[in-house]
Amino acid sequence: MEQRAGQVDAAATAFEAALRLDPDAYTTLDYVDLLIDARRPGDALRRLRQLPRTDAVVLRLAIAGTQAHSPQALADVAEMRERIALANQRPEARIYHGREQAMFALAVEHDAPAALQLARGDVTQQREPLDLLVFARAAHAEGSAAARAEVRNVVIEVGLVDRRINALL
């Protein structure tokens, strides 16, 4: 809740407390997203190295590594590109894995139009706060008032309150 309220320090404290009580991959990934957004890629990388190399972990390794100019970043980016290419051999992959692909397109490849297309497809199936945040970031980066309005409508429809999204619209 603190993260959605834009209270980065309070959110970090809450994540650290939760992870001390019960360390799990989902909470760690959420915390890593906060660290990446706060431009703390070194801290994100330290957290990620404890996790198995799932698609979600490799994605964030690529993003945080790129931010940190890590020597391992090129390998992580290449691995994520390969994972995306393999996933896209299934016709539905761009819809059901659109969030991850949109995050990669936006944060690593700096391809806002592709990220917007992927995020738009993703929110037809997934409407978690992160899906909507990625959609908003892609619409903002692409610079389209129509896309931002589209995001705004979905956010209203879902009833999500998130200062990070509101700042982009």
C-alpha atoms as a PDB file:
ATOM      1  CA  MET A   1       0.000   0.000   0.000  1.00  0.00           C
ATOM      2  CA  GLU A   2       2.855   2.372   0.794  1.00  0.00           C
ATOM      3  CA  GLN A   3       4.339   1.709  -2.623  1.00  0.00           C
ATOM      4  CA  ARG A   4       1.107   2.652  -4.379  1.00  0.00           C
ATOM      5  CA  ALA A   5       0.843   5.719  -2.149  1.00  0.00           C
ATOM      6  CA  GLY A   6       4.248   6.845  -3.394  1.00  0.00           C
ATOM      7  CA  GLN A   7       5.863   6.451   0.042  1.00  0.00           C
ATOM      8  CA  VAL A   8       9.103   4.796  -1.048  1.00  0.00           C
ATOM      9  CA  ASP A   9      10.901   4.749   2.310  1.00  0.00           C
ATOM     10  CA  ALA A  10       7.874   3.387   4.176  1.00  0.00           C
ATOM     11  CA  ALA A  11       7.356   0.777   1.463  1.00  0.00           C
ATOM     12  CA  ALA A  12      11.005  -0.304   1.648  1.00  0.00           C
ATOM     13  CA  THR A  13      10.749  -0.666   5.428  1.00  0.00           C
ATOM     14  CA  ALA A  14       7.562  -2.718   5.075  1.00  0.00           C
ATOM     15  CA  PHE A  15       9.115  -4.985   2.438  1.00  0.00           C
ATOM     16  CA  GLU A  16      12.216  -5.560   4.553  1.00  0.00           C
ATOM     17  CA  ALA A  17      10.085  -6.428   7.595  1.00  0.00           C
ATOM     18  CA  ALA A  18       7.927  -8.810   5.552  1.00  0.00           C
ATOM     19  CA  LEU A  19      10.963 -10.529   4.066  1.00  0.00           C
ATOM     20  CA  ARG A  20      12.545 -10.979   7.497  1.00  0.00           C
ATOM     21  CA  LEU A  21       9.380 -12.752   8.664  1.00  0.00           C
ATOM     22  CA  ASP A  22       8.773 -14.869   5.588  1.00  0.00           C
ATOM     23  CA  PRO A  23      11.153 -14.521   2.643  1.00  0.00           C
ATOM     24  CA  ASP A  24       9.410 -15.482  -0.580  1.00  0.00           C
ATOM     25  CA  ALA A  25      10.010 -14.853  -4.251  1.00  0.00           C
ATOM     26  CA  TYR A  26       6.860 -12.823  -4.915  1.00  0.00           C
ATOM     27  CA  THR A  27       7.519 -10.335  -2.132  1.00  0.00           C
ATOM     28  CA  THR A  28      11.179 -10.159  -3.123  1.00  0.00           C
ATOM     29  CA  LEU A  29      10.235  -9.342  -6.731  1.00  0.00           C
ATOM     30  CA  ASP A  30       7.840  -6.637  -5.586  1.00  0.00           C
ATOM     31  CA  TYR A  31      10.590  -5.186  -3.408  1.00  0.00           C
ATOM     32  CA  VAL A  32      13.054  -5.394  -6.300  1.00  0.00           C
ATOM     33  CA  ASP A  33      10.609  -3.425  -8.460  1.00  0.00           C
ATOM     34  CA  LEU A  34      10.549  -0.725  -5.778  1.00  0.00           C
ATOM     35  CA  LEU A  35      14.361  -0.704  -5.646  1.00  0.00           C
ATOM     36  CA  ILE A  36      14.601  -0.434  -9.435  1.00  0.00           C
ATOM     37  CA  ASP A  37      12.075   2.407  -9.477  1.00  0.00           C
ATOM     38  CA  ALA A  38      14.041   4.144  -6.704  1.00  0.00           C
ATOM     39  CA  ARG A  39      17.207   3.858  -8.832  1.00  0.00           C
ATOM     40  CA  ARG A  40      18.828   1.455  -6.389  1.00  0.00           C
ATOM     41  CA  PRO A  41      19.890  -1.216  -8.894  1.00  0.00           C
ATOM     42  CA  GLY A  42      22.774  -2.515  -6.772  1.00  0.00           C
ATOM     43  CA  ASP A  43      20.367  -3.350  -3.940  1.00  0.00           C
ATOM     44  CA  ALA A  44      17.984  -4.918  -6.455  1.00  0.00           C
ATOM     45  CA  LEU A  45      20.752  -7.094  -7.905  1.00  0.00           C
ATOM     46  CA  ARG A  46      21.778  -8.317  -4.445  1.00  0.00           C
ATOM     47  CA  ARG A  47      18.190  -9.395  -3.735  1.00  0.00           C
ATOM     48  CA  LEU A  48      17.761 -11.034  -7.134  1.00  0.00           C
ATOM     49  CA  ARG A  49      20.894 -13.160  -6.904  1.00  0.00           C
ATOM     50  CA  GLN A  50      19.227 -15.158  -4.107  1.00  0.00           C
ATOM     51  CA  LEU A  51      16.399 -16.315  -6.392  1.00  0.00           C
ATOM     52  CA  PRO A  52      16.142 -19.043  -9.041  1.00  0.00           C
ATOM     53  CA  ARG A  53      16.493 -17.677 -12.590  1.00  0.00           C
ATOM     54  CA  THR A  54      12.840 -17.613 -13.617  1.00  0.00           C
ATOM     55  CA  ASP A  55      11.662 -15.323 -16.422  1.00  0.00           C
ATOM     56  CA  ALA A  56      10.574 -12.715 -13.866  1.00  0.00           C
ATOM     57  CA  VAL A  57      13.968 -12.819 -12.146  1.00  0.00           C
ATOM     58  CA  VAL A  58      16.005 -12.680 -15.368  1.00  0.00           C
ATOM     59  CA  LEU A  59      13.872  -9.741 -16.542  1.00  0.00           C
ATOM     60  CA  ARG A  60      14.650  -7.792 -13.414  1.00  0.00           C
ATOM     61  CA  LEU A  61      18.325  -8.801 -13.531  1.00  0.00           C
ATOM     62  CA  ALA A  62      18.422  -7.346 -17.048  1.00  0.00           C
ATOM     63  CA  ILE A  63      16.688  -4.125 -15.973  1.00  0.00           C
ATOM     64  CA  ALA A  64      18.668  -3.579 -12.769  1.00  0.00           C
ATOM     65  CA  GLY A  65      21.908  -4.668 -14.424  1.00  0.00           C
ATOM     66  CA  THR A  66      21.361  -2.210 -17.254  1.00  0.00           C
ATOM     67  CA  GLN A  67      20.678   0.581 -14.747  1.00  0.00           C
ATOM     68  CA  ALA A  68      23.805  -0.335 -12.752  1.00  0.00           C
ATOM     69  CA  HIS A  69      25.974  -0.887 -15.848  1.00  0.00           C
ATOM     70  CA  SER A  70      26.755  -4.306 -14.391  1.00  0.00           C
ATOM     71  CA  PRO A  71      29.237  -6.510 -16.283  1.00  0.00           C
ATOM     72  CA  GLN A  72      26.629  -9.302 -16.142  1.00  0.00           C
ATOM     73  CA  ALA A  73      23.905  -7.108 -17.686  1.00  0.00           C
ATOM     74  CA  LEU A  74      24.716  -7.951 -21.315  1.00  0.00           C
ATOM     75  CA  ALA A  75      24.395 -11.669 -20.594  1.00  0.00           C
ATOM     76  CA  ASP A  76      21.136 -11.176 -18.687  1.00  0.00           C
ATOM     77  CA  VAL A  77      19.715  -9.007 -21.481  1.00  0.00           C
ATOM     78  CA  ALA A  78      20.687 -11.632 -24.072  1.00  0.00           C
ATOM     79  CA  GLU A  79      19.132 -14.394 -21.971  1.00  0.00           C
ATOM     80  CA  MET A  80      15.900 -12.433 -21.591  1.00  0.00           C
ATOM     81  CA  ARG A  81      15.745 -11.781 -25.343  1.00  0.00           C
ATOM     82  CA  GLU A  82      16.169 -15.509 -25.938  1.00  0.00           C
ATOM     83  CA  ARG A  83      13.456 -16.341 -23.387  1.00  0.00           C
ATOM     84  CA  ILE A  84      11.090 -13.870 -25.053  1.00  0.00           C
ATOM     85  CA  ALA A  85      11.813 -15.327 -28.498  1.00  0.00           C
ATOM     86  CA  LEU A  86      11.131 -18.836 -27.202  1.00  0.00           C
ATOM     87  CA  ALA A  87       7.948 -17.752 -25.445  1.00  0.00           C
ATOM     88  CA  ASN A  88       6.712 -15.999 -28.595  1.00  0.00           C
ATOM     89  CA  GLN A  89       6.720 -19.288 -30.451  1.00  0.00           C
ATOM     90  CA  ARG A  90       3.390 -19.812 -28.678  1.00  0.00           C
ATOM     91  CA  PRO A  91       0.738 -17.596 -30.307  1.00  0.00           C
ATOM     92  CA  GLU A  92      -0.761 -16.392 -27.021  1.00  0.00           C
ATOM     93  CA  ALA A  93       2.563 -15.462 -25.393  1.00  0.00           C
ATOM     94  CA  ARG A  94       2.401 -11.749 -26.183  1.00  0.00           C
ATOM     95  CA  ILE A  95      -0.920 -11.549 -24.373  1.00  0.00           C
ATOM     96  CA  TYR A  96      -0.254 -13.830 -21.427  1.00  0.00           C
ATOM     97  CA  HIS A  97       3.346 -12.672 -20.945  1.00  0.00           C
ATOM     98  CA  GLY A  98       2.843  -9.149 -22.204  1.00  0.00           C
ATOM     99  CA  ARG A  99       3.713  -7.522 -18.891  1.00  0.00           C
ATOM    100  CA  GLU A 100       7.223  -8.920 -18.836  1.00  0.00           C
ATOM    101  CA  GLN A 101       7.773  -8.231 -22.514  1.00  0.00           C
ATOM    102  CA  ALA A 102       6.469  -4.669 -22.128  1.00  0.00           C
ATOM    103  CA  MET A 103       8.735  -4.077 -19.128  1.00  0.00           C
ATOM    104  CA  PHE A 104      11.714  -5.329 -21.131  1.00  0.00           C
ATOM    105  CA  ALA A 105      10.809  -3.274 -24.212  1.00  0.00           C
ATOM    106  CA  LEU A 106      10.437  -0.134 -22.127  1.00  0.00           C
ATOM    107  CA  ALA A 107      13.257  -0.408 -19.580  1.00  0.00           C
ATOM    108  CA  VAL A 108      15.940  -2.195 -21.593  1.00  0.00           C
ATOM    109  CA  GLU A 109      15.201  -1.628 -25.267  1.00  0.00           C
ATOM    110  CA  HIS A 110      13.666   1.840 -24.812  1.00  0.00           C
ATOM    111  CA  ASP A 111      11.003   0.936 -27.379  1.00  0.00           C
ATOM    112  CA  ALA A 112       7.923   2.771 -26.111  1.00  0.00           C
ATOM    113  CA  PRO A 113       5.625   1.906 -29.063  1.00  0.00           C
ATOM    114  CA  ALA A 114       6.339  -1.817 -28.683  1.00  0.00           C
ATOM    115  CA  ALA A 115       5.955  -1.588 -24.907  1.00  0.00           C
ATOM    116  CA  LEU A 116       2.609   0.165 -25.316  1.00  0.00           C
ATOM    117  CA  GLN A 117       1.311  -2.467 -27.716  1.00  0.00           C
ATOM    118  CA  LEU A 118       2.422  -5.277 -25.400  1.00  0.00           C
ATOM    119  CA  ALA A 119       1.037  -3.603 -22.275  1.00  0.00           C
ATOM    120  CA  ARG A 120      -2.272  -2.909 -24.007  1.00  0.00           C
ATOM    121  CA  GLY A 121      -2.596  -6.594 -24.891  1.00  0.00           C
ATOM    122  CA  ASP A 122      -1.606  -7.602 -21.381  1.00  0.00           C
ATOM    123  CA  VAL A 123      -4.334  -5.584 -19.668  1.00  0.00           C
ATOM    124  CA  THR A 124      -6.972  -7.343 -21.723  1.00  0.00           C
ATOM    125  CA  GLN A 125      -6.132 -10.440 -19.644  1.00  0.00           C
ATOM    126  CA  GLN A 126      -4.315  -9.209 -16.513  1.00  0.00           C
ATOM    127  CA  ARG A 127      -5.271  -6.281 -14.341  1.00  0.00           C
ATOM    128  CA  GLU A 128      -2.963  -6.417 -11.389  1.00  0.00           C
ATOM    129  CA  PRO A 129      -1.536  -3.074 -10.217  1.00  0.00           C
ATOM    130  CA  LEU A 130       1.795  -3.834 -11.916  1.00  0.00           C
ATOM    131  CA  ASP A 131       0.057  -4.492 -15.242  1.00  0.00           C
ATOM    132  CA  LEU A 132      -1.639  -1.106 -15.075  1.00  0.00           C
ATOM    133  CA  LEU A 133       1.562   0.617 -13.977  1.00  0.00           C
ATOM    134  CA  VAL A 134       3.456  -0.837 -16.932  1.00  0.00           C
ATOM    135  CA  PHE A 135       0.620   0.235 -19.240  1.00  0.00           C
ATOM    136  CA  ALA A 136       0.762   3.763 -17.806  1.00  0.00           C
ATOM    137  CA  ARG A 137       4.543   3.936 -18.116  1.00  0.00           C
ATOM    138  CA  ALA A 138       4.399   2.767 -21.715  1.00  0.00           C
ATOM    139  CA  ALA A 139       1.646   5.260 -22.590  1.00  0.00           C
ATOM    140  CA  HIS A 140       3.601   8.061 -20.911  1.00  0.00           C
ATOM    141  CA  ALA A 141       6.858   7.115 -22.659  1.00  0.00           C
ATOM    142  CA  GLU A 142       5.109   6.853 -26.017  1.00  0.00           C
ATOM    143  CA  GLY A 143       3.727  10.359 -25.472  1.00  0.00           C
ATOM    144  CA  SER A 144       0.201   9.612 -26.621  1.00  0.00           C
ATOM    145  CA  ALA A 145      -2.624  11.519 -24.938  1.00  0.00           C
ATOM    146  CA  ALA A 146      -5.058   8.937 -26.314  1.00  0.00           C
ATOM    147  CA  ALA A 147      -3.077   6.081 -24.767  1.00  0.00           C
ATOM    148  CA  ARG A 148      -2.918   7.896 -21.411  1.00  0.00           C
ATOM    149  CA  ALA A 149      -6.691   8.384 -21.569  1.00  0.00           C
ATOM    150  CA  GLU A 150      -7.070   4.685 -22.330  1.00  0.00           C
ATOM    151  CA  VAL A 151      -5.010   3.835 -19.241  1.00  0.00           C
ATOM    152  CA  ARG A 152      -7.013   6.301 -17.152  1.00  0.00           C
ATOM    153  CA  ASN A 153     -10.252   4.604 -18.222  1.00  0.00           C
ATOM    154  CA  VAL A 154      -8.963   1.151 -17.281  1.00  0.00           C
ATOM    155  CA  VAL A 155      -7.697   2.425 -13.912  1.00  0.00           C
ATOM    156  CA  ILE A 156     -11.108   3.957 -13.185  1.00  0.00           C
ATOM    157  CA  GLU A 157     -12.874   0.777 -14.308  1.00  0.00           C
ATOM    158  CA  VAL A 158     -10.699  -1.353 -12.018  1.00  0.00           C
ATOM    159  CA  GLY A 159     -10.902   1.156  -9.172  1.00  0.00           C
ATOM    160  CA  LEU A 160      -7.152   1.216  -8.586  1.00  0.00           C
ATOM    161  CA  VAL A 161      -5.650   4.040  -6.547  1.00  0.00           C
ATOM    162  CA  ASP A 162      -1.943   4.369  -7.300  1.00  0.00           C
ATOM    163  CA  ARG A 163      -0.024   7.643  -7.130  1.00  0.00           C
ATOM    164  CA  ARG A 164       2.680   6.269  -9.421  1.00  0.00           C
ATOM    165  CA  ILE A 165       0.094   5.784 -12.167  1.00  0.00           C
ATOM    166  CA  ASN A 166      -1.641   9.102 -11.504  1.00  0.00           C
ATOM    167  CA  ALA A 167       1.691  10.928 -11.888  1.00  0.00           C
ATOM    168  CA  LEU A 168       2.038   9.493 -15.398  1.00  0.00           C
ATOM    169  CA  LEU A 169      -1.423  10.398 -16.599  1.00  0.00           C
END
